[in-house]
């Protein structure tokens, strides 16, 4: 069994922080998707449930993205520099989307609910909630395809546009968007006591689950030509079959739980399903941080930097973990009475 190095530990923590952001931040983005798609006589009530679900925790969920950025910058600076250079267009747009989404949500929450300005803030919030996951997936797709190489020669478009402007990249973006919408719909079934709204979110979750399956099939099909390293890992490696089986089982459990209205079980299973899909990408390109040349060992910082970073992270976790647990216990112990109820 190969020895686990400090660089391997830092890479694993980087992946875990991204996994946490996909689950918690992704559910928030998915809530914005359903905010945009809310229609019919229950539109206002659905948006009220979404706002109450996101409101207490949306800022805290970004701690995972901040942690991932700090770990990448500190522990794997060559990889961080290359990603931020080659993918500066989609990354910058994604960060603008995150800021616009958060500020628009805050302004909409505290503005006059009958003011036309609130409607405009709502449109910005929901639009950014759709565009940002797409761009996140595009960046992941560009990295997974091995097209993020050191920019040396060529035109601006060849160096900074063509690496991410690909069918595979946008396929991964579509997959990220459907995954986040799927997460949110399943989570929202437990955010209200109104049966009509619970059933509405249940139907949305079932539809989004089908969309995830179709988007996953599309990404896998495109990966054969555009991301061979990823496709080989997903199809031919020793871990491929167990991972696919685990993903399939969790997906079946989600659908069965939604069908039988076992929403707590569905929430756990959908988290596992999304995590399995995420780790399929991570392990398929191992040991590369940025294919085709920046491996974990090549991109890693000096051992003293890695050691101090891991120690600091361990001490910080003693403060962060209890705070987050307390936050979720206070605000996520159950749906508040009257939220989403017909007035």
Protein backbone atom coordinates (compact mmCIF):
# COMPACT_ATOMS: atom_id res chain seq x y z
CA UNK A 1 0.00 0.00 0.00
CA UNK A 2 1.56 3.34 -1.02
CA UNK A 3 2.48 5.76 1.75
CA UNK A 4 0.15 8.74 2.22
CA UNK A 5 2.21 11.90 2.02
CA UNK A 6 1.51 15.40 3.30
CA UNK A 7 0.70 16.42 -0.27
CA UNK A 8 -1.82 13.57 -0.56
CA UNK A 9 -3.47 14.67 2.69
CA UNK A 10 -3.69 18.27 1.50
CA UNK A 11 -5.15 17.15 -1.84
CA UNK A 12 -7.73 14.99 -0.05
CA UNK A 13 -8.77 17.93 2.15
CA UNK A 14 -9.00 20.15 -0.93
CA UNK A 15 -11.31 17.61 -2.56
CA UNK A 16 -13.39 17.27 0.62
CA UNK A 17 -13.83 21.04 0.87
CA UNK A 18 -15.01 21.16 -2.76
CA UNK A 19 -17.34 18.24 -2.05
CA UNK A 20 -18.83 20.14 0.89
CA UNK A 21 -19.29 23.24 -1.27
CA UNK A 22 -21.02 21.19 -3.96
CA UNK A 23 -23.45 19.80 -1.38
CA UNK A 24 -24.22 22.87 0.71
CA UNK A 25 -23.50 25.72 -1.68
CA UNK A 26 -24.91 23.67 -4.54
CA UNK A 27 -28.24 23.26 -2.77
CA UNK A 28 -28.40 27.04 -2.36
CA UNK A 29 -27.76 27.57 -6.06
CA UNK A 30 -30.41 24.98 -6.84
CA UNK A 31 -32.87 26.91 -4.70
CA UNK A 32 -32.27 29.90 -6.97
CA UNK A 33 -33.01 27.72 -9.98
CA UNK A 34 -36.40 26.76 -8.55
CA UNK A 35 -36.99 30.39 -7.59
CA UNK A 36 -36.66 31.24 -11.30
CA UNK A 37 -38.88 28.34 -12.39
CA UNK A 38 -41.62 28.93 -9.82
CA UNK A 39 -44.93 29.36 -11.64
CA UNK A 40 -48.65 29.12 -11.06
CA UNK A 41 -50.78 30.12 -8.07
CA UNK A 42 -48.21 28.69 -5.60
CA UNK A 43 -45.31 30.71 -7.05
CA UNK A 44 -45.07 33.22 -4.18
CA UNK A 45 -45.37 30.50 -1.53
CA UNK A 46 -42.64 28.40 -3.16
CA UNK A 47 -40.32 31.40 -3.20
CA UNK A 48 -41.10 32.08 0.44
CA UNK A 49 -40.03 28.53 1.36
CA UNK A 50 -36.86 28.86 -0.73
CA UNK A 51 -35.96 32.17 0.92
CA UNK A 52 -36.50 30.79 4.42
CA UNK A 53 -34.44 27.69 3.59
CA UNK A 54 -31.49 29.67 2.21
CA UNK A 55 -31.60 32.73 4.43
CA UNK A 56 -29.95 31.61 7.70
CA UNK A 57 -27.07 29.62 6.15
CA UNK A 58 -26.20 30.87 2.65
CA UNK A 59 -23.21 32.93 3.82
CA UNK A 60 -21.87 30.10 5.97
CA UNK A 61 -21.95 27.70 3.03
CA UNK A 62 -19.32 29.76 1.21
CA UNK A 63 -16.76 28.87 3.89
CA UNK A 64 -16.11 25.67 1.93
CA UNK A 65 -15.24 27.57 -1.25
CA UNK A 66 -12.96 29.90 0.70
CA UNK A 67 -11.27 26.89 2.29
CA UNK A 68 -10.75 25.27 -1.12
CA UNK A 69 -9.23 28.46 -2.56
CA UNK A 70 -6.87 28.87 0.41
CA UNK A 71 -5.76 25.23 0.24
CA UNK A 72 -5.19 25.40 -3.52
CA UNK A 73 -3.28 28.69 -3.30
CA UNK A 74 -1.14 27.61 -0.33
CA UNK A 75 -0.54 23.92 -1.00
CA UNK A 76 -0.66 23.69 -4.81
CA UNK A 77 0.26 27.17 -6.02
CA UNK A 78 1.45 26.15 -9.55
CA UNK A 79 -1.92 24.48 -10.20
CA UNK A 80 -3.79 27.43 -8.70
CA UNK A 81 -1.83 29.90 -10.82
CA UNK A 82 -2.45 27.99 -14.03
CA UNK A 83 -6.18 27.59 -13.43
CA UNK A 84 -6.61 31.24 -12.52
CA UNK A 85 -4.60 32.32 -15.58
CA UNK A 86 -5.98 30.05 -18.29
CA UNK A 87 -9.55 30.05 -16.96
CA UNK A 88 -9.62 33.67 -15.79
CA UNK A 89 -12.69 34.45 -17.93
CA UNK A 90 -15.10 31.80 -16.58
CA UNK A 91 -13.62 32.03 -13.06
CA UNK A 92 -14.07 35.82 -12.96
CA UNK A 93 -17.62 35.56 -14.28
CA UNK A 94 -18.37 32.84 -11.73
CA UNK A 95 -17.10 35.01 -8.86
CA UNK A 96 -19.14 37.96 -10.13
CA UNK A 97 -22.17 35.65 -10.21
CA UNK A 98 -21.56 34.57 -6.59
CA UNK A 99 -21.34 38.19 -5.43
CA UNK A 100 -24.36 39.33 -7.45
CA UNK A 101 -26.40 36.39 -6.25
CA UNK A 102 -25.67 37.03 -2.58
CA UNK A 103 -26.18 40.78 -2.71
CA UNK A 104 -29.38 40.44 -4.75
CA UNK A 105 -30.76 37.92 -2.25
CA UNK A 106 -30.01 40.28 0.64
CA UNK A 107 -31.51 43.32 -1.09
CA UNK A 108 -34.61 41.39 -2.11
CA UNK A 109 -35.11 40.10 1.43
CA UNK A 110 -35.02 43.51 3.07
CA UNK A 111 -36.71 45.56 0.35
CA UNK A 112 -40.41 46.35 0.30
CA UNK A 113 -42.10 43.16 -0.90
CA UNK A 114 -44.43 45.16 -3.16
CA UNK A 115 -41.66 47.26 -4.65
CA UNK A 116 -40.75 46.74 -8.30
CA UNK A 117 -37.09 46.86 -7.26
CA UNK A 118 -37.58 43.63 -5.32
CA UNK A 119 -38.71 41.93 -8.52
CA UNK A 120 -35.55 43.07 -10.28
CA UNK A 121 -33.37 41.82 -7.42
CA UNK A 122 -35.19 38.50 -7.61
CA UNK A 123 -34.39 38.19 -11.29
CA UNK A 124 -30.72 38.91 -10.65
CA UNK A 125 -30.68 36.35 -7.82
CA UNK A 126 -32.25 33.58 -9.88
CA UNK A 127 -30.28 34.35 -13.05
CA UNK A 128 -26.98 34.29 -11.16
CA UNK A 129 -28.07 31.03 -9.52
CA UNK A 130 -28.32 29.46 -12.98
CA UNK A 131 -25.25 30.97 -14.64
CA UNK A 132 -22.80 30.40 -11.76
CA UNK A 133 -23.18 26.58 -11.56
CA UNK A 134 -22.86 26.41 -15.34
CA UNK A 135 -19.55 28.29 -15.16
CA UNK A 136 -18.33 26.16 -12.25
CA UNK A 137 -19.01 23.04 -14.32
CA UNK A 138 -17.29 24.58 -17.33
CA UNK A 139 -14.15 25.16 -15.25
CA UNK A 140 -14.23 21.59 -13.92
CA UNK A 141 -14.74 20.27 -17.44
CA UNK A 142 -11.77 22.26 -18.74
CA UNK A 143 -9.52 20.86 -16.00
CA UNK A 144 -10.79 17.29 -16.47
CA UNK A 145 -10.23 17.44 -20.24
CA UNK A 146 -6.54 18.27 -19.81
CA UNK A 147 -6.84 21.46 -21.83
CA UNK A 148 -5.63 23.76 -19.05
CA UNK A 149 -1.98 23.96 -20.09
CA UNK A 150 0.60 26.68 -19.54
CA UNK A 151 -0.17 29.55 -21.95
CA UNK A 152 2.90 30.15 -24.09
CA UNK A 153 2.07 30.67 -27.76
CA UNK A 154 -1.01 31.39 -29.79
CA UNK A 155 -3.68 34.03 -29.95
CA UNK A 156 -5.71 35.22 -26.97
CA UNK A 157 -8.61 32.97 -27.99
CA UNK A 158 -6.36 29.92 -28.33
CA UNK A 159 -4.82 30.44 -24.90
CA UNK A 160 -7.75 31.72 -22.82
CA UNK A 161 -11.01 30.84 -24.59
CA UNK A 162 -10.64 27.54 -26.44
CA UNK A 163 -9.56 25.54 -23.32
CA UNK A 164 -13.02 25.98 -21.74
CA UNK A 165 -15.33 26.79 -24.65
CA UNK A 166 -16.03 23.15 -25.54
CA UNK A 167 -19.08 20.87 -25.72
CA UNK A 168 -17.64 18.75 -22.91
CA UNK A 169 -17.15 21.79 -20.68
CA UNK A 170 -20.72 22.96 -21.16
CA UNK A 171 -21.92 19.39 -20.72
CA UNK A 172 -20.27 19.32 -17.29
CA UNK A 173 -21.81 22.74 -16.62
CA UNK A 174 -25.25 21.36 -17.44
CA UNK A 175 -24.60 18.39 -15.17
CA UNK A 176 -23.60 20.71 -12.31
CA UNK A 177 -26.75 22.77 -12.81
CA UNK A 178 -29.06 19.73 -12.81
CA UNK A 179 -27.27 18.24 -9.78
CA UNK A 180 -27.72 21.44 -7.80
CA UNK A 181 -31.39 21.68 -8.77
CA UNK A 182 -31.86 18.03 -7.79
CA UNK A 183 -30.23 18.60 -4.39
CA UNK A 184 -32.32 21.67 -3.72
CA UNK A 185 -35.63 20.07 -4.65
CA UNK A 186 -35.01 17.08 -2.38
CA UNK A 187 -33.89 19.33 0.49
CA UNK A 188 -36.89 21.64 0.05
CA UNK A 189 -39.34 18.80 0.67
CA UNK A 190 -38.36 19.12 4.34
CA UNK A 191 -38.47 22.92 4.54
CA UNK A 192 -42.24 23.36 4.82
CA UNK A 193 -45.20 21.68 6.47
CA UNK A 194 -47.59 22.66 3.68
CA UNK A 195 -48.53 19.43 1.89
CA UNK A 196 -49.21 21.08 -1.45
CA UNK A 197 -45.74 22.60 -1.53
CA UNK A 198 -44.10 19.39 -0.32
CA UNK A 199 -45.74 17.55 -3.21
CA UNK A 200 -44.68 20.28 -5.65
CA UNK A 201 -41.03 20.01 -4.57
CA UNK A 202 -41.28 16.22 -4.66
CA UNK A 203 -42.37 16.33 -8.31
CA UNK A 204 -39.58 18.79 -9.10
CA UNK A 205 -37.07 16.45 -7.45
CA UNK A 206 -38.25 13.46 -9.51
CA UNK A 207 -37.98 15.47 -12.73
CA UNK A 208 -34.56 16.85 -11.80
CA UNK A 209 -33.36 13.32 -11.03
CA UNK A 210 -34.20 12.27 -14.58
CA UNK A 211 -32.38 15.36 -15.88
CA UNK A 212 -29.28 14.39 -13.86
CA UNK A 213 -29.31 10.93 -15.45
CA UNK A 214 -29.52 12.39 -18.96
CA UNK A 215 -26.82 15.01 -18.27
CA UNK A 216 -24.53 12.33 -16.79
CA UNK A 217 -24.96 10.16 -19.88
CA UNK A 218 -24.16 13.17 -22.10
CA UNK A 219 -20.98 13.99 -20.16
CA UNK A 220 -19.82 10.38 -20.26
CA UNK A 221 -20.42 10.24 -24.01
CA UNK A 222 -18.51 13.47 -24.63
CA UNK A 223 -15.65 12.40 -22.37
CA UNK A 224 -14.55 9.63 -24.76
CA UNK A 225 -13.41 12.19 -27.31
CA UNK A 226 -12.69 15.28 -25.19
CA UNK A 227 -11.55 13.97 -21.78
CA UNK A 228 -9.85 10.58 -22.36
CA UNK A 229 -8.14 10.55 -18.93
CA UNK A 230 -11.51 10.92 -17.23
CA UNK A 231 -13.25 8.39 -19.46
CA UNK A 232 -10.53 5.79 -18.87
CA UNK A 233 -10.82 6.29 -15.13
CA UNK A 234 -14.61 6.05 -15.20
CA UNK A 235 -14.70 2.97 -17.42
CA UNK A 236 -11.51 0.93 -17.04
CA UNK A 237 -10.03 1.52 -13.57
CA UNK A 238 -10.30 -0.92 -10.68
CA UNK A 239 -12.55 1.40 -8.70
CA UNK A 240 -14.92 2.20 -11.59
CA UNK A 241 -17.40 -0.64 -11.04
CA UNK A 242 -17.75 -0.16 -7.24
CA UNK A 243 -18.20 3.59 -7.72
CA UNK A 244 -20.83 3.17 -10.43
CA UNK A 245 -22.68 0.61 -8.32
CA UNK A 246 -22.64 2.91 -5.30
CA UNK A 247 -23.92 5.81 -7.41
CA UNK A 248 -26.66 3.66 -8.93
CA UNK A 249 -27.77 2.31 -5.55
CA UNK A 250 -27.93 5.78 -4.02
CA UNK A 251 -29.92 7.06 -7.03
CA UNK A 252 -32.40 4.20 -6.72
CA UNK A 253 -32.76 4.91 -3.00
CA UNK A 254 -33.44 8.59 -3.71
CA UNK A 255 -36.19 7.79 -6.22
CA UNK A 256 -37.70 5.08 -4.01
CA UNK A 257 -37.67 7.38 -0.98
CA UNK A 258 -39.26 10.22 -2.95
CA UNK A 259 -41.87 7.87 -4.36
CA UNK A 260 -42.73 6.62 -0.84
CA UNK A 261 -42.40 10.14 0.61
CA UNK A 262 -39.53 9.19 2.91
CA UNK A 263 -37.96 12.61 2.60
CA UNK A 264 -35.32 12.27 5.31
CA UNK A 265 -33.94 9.14 3.65
CA UNK A 266 -34.09 10.89 0.28
CA UNK A 267 -32.03 13.80 1.66
CA UNK A 268 -29.26 11.48 2.88
CA UNK A 269 -29.26 9.42 -0.31
CA UNK A 270 -29.13 12.42 -2.65
CA UNK A 271 -26.12 13.76 -0.74
CA UNK A 272 -24.39 10.42 -1.26
CA UNK A 273 -25.32 10.29 -4.95
CA UNK A 274 -23.97 13.76 -5.66
CA UNK A 275 -20.82 13.01 -3.67
CA UNK A 276 -20.20 9.80 -5.60
CA UNK A 277 -20.53 11.67 -8.89
CA UNK A 278 -18.12 14.35 -7.65
CA UNK A 279 -15.56 11.80 -6.50
CA UNK A 280 -15.80 10.05 -9.84
CA UNK A 281 -14.17 13.15 -11.32
CA UNK A 282 -11.60 13.45 -8.52
CA UNK A 283 -10.31 9.88 -8.61
CA UNK A 284 -10.46 9.60 -12.41
CA UNK A 285 -7.71 12.20 -12.75
CA UNK A 286 -5.66 11.10 -9.73
CA UNK A 287 -2.72 11.74 -9.20
CA UNK A 288 -3.11 14.92 -11.30
CA UNK A 289 -4.24 18.20 -9.81
CA UNK A 290 -4.30 19.74 -13.28
CA UNK A 291 -3.81 17.25 -16.13
CA UNK A 292 -1.79 16.54 -18.18
CA UNK A 293 1.37 17.43 -16.23
CA UNK A 294 0.76 18.89 -12.77
CA UNK A 295 0.56 15.93 -10.41
CA UNK A 296 0.04 16.24 -6.67
CA UNK A 297 3.76 15.79 -6.00
CA UNK A 298 4.87 18.18 -8.76
CA UNK A 299 2.48 20.97 -7.75
CA UNK A 300 2.84 20.55 -3.99
CA UNK A 301 4.36 23.23 -1.78
CA UNK A 302 7.42 22.48 0.43
CA UNK A 303 6.79 20.05 3.29
CA UNK A 304 7.04 22.74 5.96
CA UNK A 305 4.29 24.73 4.23
CA UNK A 306 2.07 21.66 3.96
CA UNK A 307 2.71 20.70 7.58
CA UNK A 308 1.93 24.16 8.96
CA UNK A 309 -1.18 24.44 6.77
CA UNK A 310 -2.54 21.11 7.98
CA UNK A 311 -1.85 22.04 11.61
CA UNK A 312 -3.59 25.39 11.15
CA UNK A 313 -6.52 23.66 9.50
CA UNK A 314 -6.80 21.20 12.38
CA UNK A 315 -6.84 24.00 14.98
CA UNK A 316 -9.33 26.00 12.89
CA UNK A 317 -11.62 22.99 12.62
CA UNK A 318 -11.95 22.97 16.43
CA UNK A 319 -13.64 26.36 16.12
CA UNK A 320 -15.38 25.96 12.78
CA UNK A 321 -17.00 22.55 13.20
CA UNK A 322 -18.90 23.27 16.47
CA UNK A 323 -20.02 26.65 15.11
CA UNK A 324 -21.45 25.11 11.93
CA UNK A 325 -23.10 22.28 13.85
CA UNK A 326 -24.73 24.78 16.20
CA UNK A 327 -25.84 26.95 13.26
CA UNK A 328 -27.55 24.02 11.53
CA UNK A 329 -29.12 22.77 14.77
CA UNK A 330 -30.65 26.18 15.42
CA UNK A 331 -31.91 26.91 11.91
CA UNK A 332 -32.34 23.44 10.38
CA UNK A 333 -33.92 21.39 13.15
CA UNK A 334 -37.25 21.47 11.32
CA UNK A 335 -39.42 23.64 9.06
CA UNK A 336 -40.82 26.74 10.78
CA UNK A 337 -44.56 26.81 11.29
CA UNK A 338 -46.43 28.82 8.70
CA UNK A 339 -43.67 29.07 6.10
CA UNK A 340 -45.24 28.59 2.69
CA UNK A 341 -48.73 28.35 4.15
CA UNK A 342 -51.51 29.94 2.15
CA UNK A 343 -52.32 33.40 3.54
